[in-house]
Amino acid sequence: MPENEEILRAIQRMNKLLALVAVKGVEKKEAVLSLTRAGYTQAEVASLLDMGVSAVSMIVIRHKEKLEEEKAKKPKKAPKAAATDGDRE
């Protein structure tokens, strides 16, 4: 079993390294959003980026709010008219 634990730790280190490489040179906000989209929890993102969980949470919340505002601003499409028998030939 110790061998399996060593393998698991090595995989976890590689995973952490890959995550850090993926967001290298990216501003914190974009790094947070990229890592959360990749499936990392907010606590994991905070640990990877040396941030507080509350800071990560605020970035995610503000991003969701921004998306909702943008969605609300988009004009809604008019529903398509149903085809009538007169339209078919």
N, C-alpha and C. Protein backbone atom coordinates (compact mmCIF):
# COMPACT_ATOMS: atom_id res chain seq x y z
N MET A 1 0.80 -1.21 0.00
CA MET A 1 0.00 0.00 0.00
C MET A 1 0.84 1.28 0.00
N PRO A 2 1.98 1.32 0.69
CA PRO A 2 2.78 2.55 0.67
C PRO A 2 3.15 2.98 -0.74
N GLU A 3 3.36 2.00 -1.61
CA GLU A 3 3.70 2.33 -2.99
C GLU A 3 2.55 3.08 -3.67
N ASN A 4 1.32 2.66 -3.42
CA ASN A 4 0.15 3.33 -3.98
C ASN A 4 0.04 4.77 -3.46
N GLU A 5 0.35 4.97 -2.20
CA GLU A 5 0.29 6.30 -1.61
C GLU A 5 1.35 7.21 -2.24
N GLU A 6 2.50 6.66 -2.50
CA GLU A 6 3.57 7.44 -3.15
C GLU A 6 3.15 7.83 -4.56
N ILE A 7 2.55 6.91 -5.27
CA ILE A 7 2.07 7.19 -6.62
C ILE A 7 1.00 8.28 -6.59
N LEU A 8 0.08 8.16 -5.64
CA LEU A 8 -0.98 9.16 -5.50
C LEU A 8 -0.39 10.54 -5.22
N ARG A 9 0.57 10.63 -4.31
CA ARG A 9 1.20 11.92 -4.00
C ARG A 9 1.92 12.49 -5.21
N ALA A 10 2.57 11.63 -5.98
CA ALA A 10 3.28 12.09 -7.18
C ALA A 10 2.28 12.64 -8.20
N ILE A 11 1.17 11.96 -8.36
CA ILE A 11 0.13 12.43 -9.30
C ILE A 11 -0.45 13.76 -8.83
N GLN A 12 -0.67 13.89 -7.53
CA GLN A 12 -1.19 15.14 -6.99
C GLN A 12 -0.22 16.29 -7.22
N ARG A 13 1.07 16.05 -7.05
CA ARG A 13 2.08 17.08 -7.30
C ARG A 13 2.09 17.48 -8.77
N MET A 14 2.01 16.49 -9.65
CA MET A 14 1.99 16.78 -11.09
C MET A 14 0.75 17.57 -11.46
N ASN A 15 -0.37 17.21 -10.86
CA ASN A 15 -1.63 17.91 -11.13
C ASN A 15 -1.51 19.38 -10.70
N LYS A 16 -0.93 19.60 -9.53
CA LYS A 16 -0.75 20.96 -9.02
C LYS A 16 0.18 21.75 -9.95
N LEU A 17 1.26 21.13 -10.37
CA LEU A 17 2.21 21.78 -11.26
C LEU A 17 1.54 22.14 -12.59
N LEU A 18 0.79 21.23 -13.15
CA LEU A 18 0.10 21.51 -14.42
C LEU A 18 -0.88 22.67 -14.28
N ALA A 19 -1.59 22.71 -13.15
CA ALA A 19 -2.53 23.80 -12.91
C ALA A 19 -1.80 25.14 -12.84
N LEU A 20 -0.66 25.15 -12.16
CA LEU A 20 0.12 26.39 -12.04
C LEU A 20 0.68 26.82 -13.39
N VAL A 21 1.13 25.87 -14.19
CA VAL A 21 1.66 26.18 -15.52
C VAL A 21 0.54 26.74 -16.40
N ALA A 22 -0.66 26.19 -16.26
CA ALA A 22 -1.79 26.62 -17.08
C ALA A 22 -2.17 28.07 -16.85
N VAL A 23 -1.92 28.58 -15.65
CA VAL A 23 -2.32 29.95 -15.34
C VAL A 23 -1.13 30.89 -15.14
N LYS A 24 0.05 30.42 -15.49
CA LYS A 24 1.25 31.26 -15.33
C LYS A 24 1.13 32.49 -16.21
N GLY A 25 1.40 33.66 -15.62
CA GLY A 25 1.35 34.91 -16.37
C GLY A 25 -0.05 35.47 -16.58
N VAL A 26 -1.04 34.81 -16.03
CA VAL A 26 -2.43 35.24 -16.16
C VAL A 26 -2.80 35.99 -14.89
N GLU A 27 -3.58 37.07 -15.03
CA GLU A 27 -3.97 37.80 -13.83
C GLU A 27 -4.82 36.91 -12.94
N LYS A 28 -4.82 37.20 -11.65
CA LYS A 28 -5.46 36.34 -10.65
C LYS A 28 -6.91 36.05 -10.97
N LYS A 29 -7.65 37.07 -11.39
CA LYS A 29 -9.08 36.87 -11.68
C LYS A 29 -9.26 35.80 -12.75
N GLU A 30 -8.53 35.92 -13.85
CA GLU A 30 -8.65 34.95 -14.93
C GLU A 30 -8.15 33.58 -14.50
N ALA A 31 -7.12 33.55 -13.67
CA ALA A 31 -6.60 32.28 -13.16
C ALA A 31 -7.66 31.58 -12.32
N VAL A 32 -8.32 32.35 -11.45
CA VAL A 32 -9.38 31.78 -10.61
C VAL A 32 -10.48 31.20 -11.48
N LEU A 33 -10.93 31.97 -12.46
CA LEU A 33 -12.03 31.51 -13.31
C LEU A 33 -11.63 30.30 -14.14
N SER A 34 -10.41 30.29 -14.65
CA SER A 34 -9.94 29.14 -15.44
C SER A 34 -9.87 27.87 -14.60
N LEU A 35 -9.33 27.99 -13.41
CA LEU A 35 -9.19 26.80 -12.55
C LEU A 35 -10.54 26.30 -12.06
N THR A 36 -11.48 27.21 -11.78
CA THR A 36 -12.81 26.73 -11.36
C THR A 36 -13.53 26.07 -12.52
N ARG A 37 -13.35 26.60 -13.74
CA ARG A 37 -13.94 25.95 -14.91
C ARG A 37 -13.33 24.56 -15.12
N ALA A 38 -12.07 24.40 -14.74
CA ALA A 38 -11.38 23.12 -14.89
C ALA A 38 -11.80 22.10 -13.83
N GLY A 39 -12.61 22.56 -12.87
CA GLY A 39 -13.14 21.62 -11.89
C GLY A 39 -12.52 21.69 -10.51
N TYR A 40 -11.60 22.62 -10.29
CA TYR A 40 -11.02 22.78 -8.96
C TYR A 40 -12.03 23.46 -8.04
N THR A 41 -12.03 23.07 -6.79
CA THR A 41 -12.90 23.71 -5.81
C THR A 41 -12.31 25.08 -5.48
N GLN A 42 -13.13 25.92 -4.86
CA GLN A 42 -12.64 27.24 -4.49
C GLN A 42 -11.49 27.14 -3.48
N ALA A 43 -11.56 26.16 -2.59
CA ALA A 43 -10.49 25.97 -1.62
C ALA A 43 -9.19 25.54 -2.32
N GLU A 44 -9.31 24.67 -3.31
CA GLU A 44 -8.12 24.24 -4.05
C GLU A 44 -7.51 25.40 -4.83
N VAL A 45 -8.37 26.21 -5.45
CA VAL A 45 -7.89 27.37 -6.20
C VAL A 45 -7.17 28.33 -5.27
N ALA A 46 -7.77 28.57 -4.12
CA ALA A 46 -7.16 29.48 -3.14
C ALA A 46 -5.78 28.97 -2.73
N SER A 47 -5.67 27.69 -2.50
CA SER A 47 -4.39 27.11 -2.11
C SER A 47 -3.36 27.22 -3.24
N LEU A 48 -3.78 26.90 -4.45
CA LEU A 48 -2.87 26.97 -5.59
C LEU A 48 -2.35 28.38 -5.84
N LEU A 49 -3.23 29.36 -5.69
CA LEU A 49 -2.88 30.74 -6.02
C LEU A 49 -2.46 31.57 -4.81
N ASP A 50 -2.37 30.91 -3.66
CA ASP A 50 -1.98 31.58 -2.42
C ASP A 50 -2.89 32.77 -2.13
N MET A 51 -4.18 32.47 -2.12
CA MET A 51 -5.22 33.47 -1.85
C MET A 51 -6.13 32.94 -0.76
N GLY A 52 -6.94 33.81 -0.23
CA GLY A 52 -7.96 33.36 0.71
C GLY A 52 -9.15 32.79 -0.03
N VAL A 53 -9.83 31.86 0.60
CA VAL A 53 -11.02 31.26 -0.02
C VAL A 53 -12.08 32.33 -0.26
N SER A 54 -12.20 33.28 0.65
CA SER A 54 -13.21 34.34 0.49
C SER A 54 -12.90 35.21 -0.73
N ALA A 55 -11.63 35.44 -1.01
CA ALA A 55 -11.26 36.23 -2.19
C ALA A 55 -11.62 35.49 -3.47
N VAL A 56 -11.36 34.20 -3.48
CA VAL A 56 -11.72 33.38 -4.64
C VAL A 56 -13.24 33.37 -4.80
N SER A 57 -13.94 33.21 -3.71
CA SER A 57 -15.40 33.19 -3.75
C SER A 57 -15.96 34.49 -4.32
N MET A 58 -15.39 35.62 -3.90
CA MET A 58 -15.87 36.92 -4.40
C MET A 58 -15.64 37.06 -5.89
N ILE A 59 -14.52 36.59 -6.39
CA ILE A 59 -14.24 36.65 -7.83
C ILE A 59 -15.28 35.83 -8.58
N VAL A 60 -15.57 34.64 -8.09
CA VAL A 60 -16.54 33.76 -8.76
C VAL A 60 -17.93 34.39 -8.72
N ILE A 61 -18.33 34.91 -7.57
CA ILE A 61 -19.66 35.53 -7.42
C ILE A 61 -19.79 36.73 -8.35
N ARG A 62 -18.81 37.60 -8.36
CA ARG A 62 -18.87 38.79 -9.21
C ARG A 62 -18.91 38.42 -10.69
N HIS A 63 -18.19 37.37 -11.05
CA HIS A 63 -18.22 36.93 -12.45
C HIS A 63 -19.62 36.42 -12.81
N LYS A 64 -20.22 35.65 -11.93
CA LYS A 64 -21.58 35.15 -12.20
C LYS A 64 -22.57 36.30 -12.31
N GLU A 65 -22.43 37.31 -11.44
CA GLU A 65 -23.31 38.47 -11.49
C GLU A 65 -23.14 39.21 -12.81
N LYS A 66 -21.91 39.35 -13.26
CA LYS A 66 -21.63 40.03 -14.52
C LYS A 66 -22.27 39.28 -15.68
N LEU A 67 -22.16 37.96 -15.68
CA LEU A 67 -22.78 37.16 -16.74
C LEU A 67 -24.29 37.32 -16.74
N GLU A 68 -24.90 37.35 -15.55
CA GLU A 68 -26.34 37.52 -15.45
C GLU A 68 -26.78 38.89 -15.95
N GLU A 69 -25.99 39.93 -15.64
CA GLU A 69 -26.31 41.27 -16.12
C GLU A 69 -26.23 41.33 -17.64
N GLU A 70 -25.20 40.73 -18.22
CA GLU A 70 -25.05 40.71 -19.67
C GLU A 70 -26.19 39.95 -20.32
N LYS A 71 -26.60 38.87 -19.70
CA LYS A 71 -27.69 38.07 -20.23
C LYS A 71 -29.00 38.87 -20.19
N ALA A 72 -29.20 39.63 -19.13
CA ALA A 72 -30.42 40.43 -18.99
C ALA A 72 -30.46 41.57 -20.00
N LYS A 73 -29.29 42.08 -20.40
CA LYS A 73 -29.22 43.19 -21.35
C LYS A 73 -29.49 42.76 -22.78
N LYS A 74 -29.22 41.49 -23.09
CA LYS A 74 -29.41 41.02 -24.45
C LYS A 74 -30.89 41.07 -24.82
N PRO A 75 -31.19 41.57 -26.02
CA PRO A 75 -32.60 41.59 -26.43
C PRO A 75 -33.08 40.17 -26.64
N LYS A 76 -34.29 39.94 -26.21
CA LYS A 76 -34.87 38.61 -26.36
C LYS A 76 -35.41 38.46 -27.78
N LYS A 77 -35.20 37.29 -28.34
CA LYS A 77 -35.70 37.02 -29.69
C LYS A 77 -37.20 36.82 -29.64
N ALA A 78 -37.87 37.31 -30.68
CA ALA A 78 -39.31 37.12 -30.77
C ALA A 78 -39.57 35.65 -31.11
N PRO A 79 -40.60 35.08 -30.52
CA PRO A 79 -40.89 33.67 -30.84
C PRO A 79 -41.26 33.53 -32.31
N LYS A 80 -40.87 32.43 -32.88
CA LYS A 80 -41.18 32.16 -34.29
C LYS A 80 -42.68 31.93 -34.44
N ALA A 81 -43.21 32.44 -35.54
CA ALA A 81 -44.64 32.25 -35.80
C ALA A 81 -44.87 30.80 -36.18
N ALA A 82 -45.94 30.25 -35.70
CA ALA A 82 -46.28 28.86 -36.03
C ALA A 82 -46.71 28.79 -37.48
N ALA A 83 -46.31 27.73 -38.16
CA ALA A 83 -46.69 27.54 -39.55
C ALA A 83 -48.18 27.25 -39.63
N THR A 84 -48.82 27.86 -40.61
CA THR A 84 -50.25 27.59 -40.83
C THR A 84 -50.39 26.78 -42.09
N ASP A 85 -51.58 26.23 -42.30
CA ASP A 85 -51.82 25.42 -43.48
C ASP A 85 -51.66 26.23 -44.75
N GLY A 86 -51.92 27.52 -44.68
CA GLY A 86 -51.79 28.39 -45.85
C GLY A 86 -50.34 28.58 -46.25
N ASP A 87 -49.42 28.38 -45.33
CA ASP A 87 -48.01 28.54 -45.64
C ASP A 87 -47.44 27.34 -46.39
N ARG A 88 -48.08 26.22 -46.26
CA ARG A 88 -47.57 25.01 -46.93
C ARG A 88 -48.15 24.89 -48.32
N GLU A 89 -47.31 24.52 -49.24
CA GLU A 89 -47.82 24.32 -50.60
C GLU A 89 -47.37 23.03 -51.17
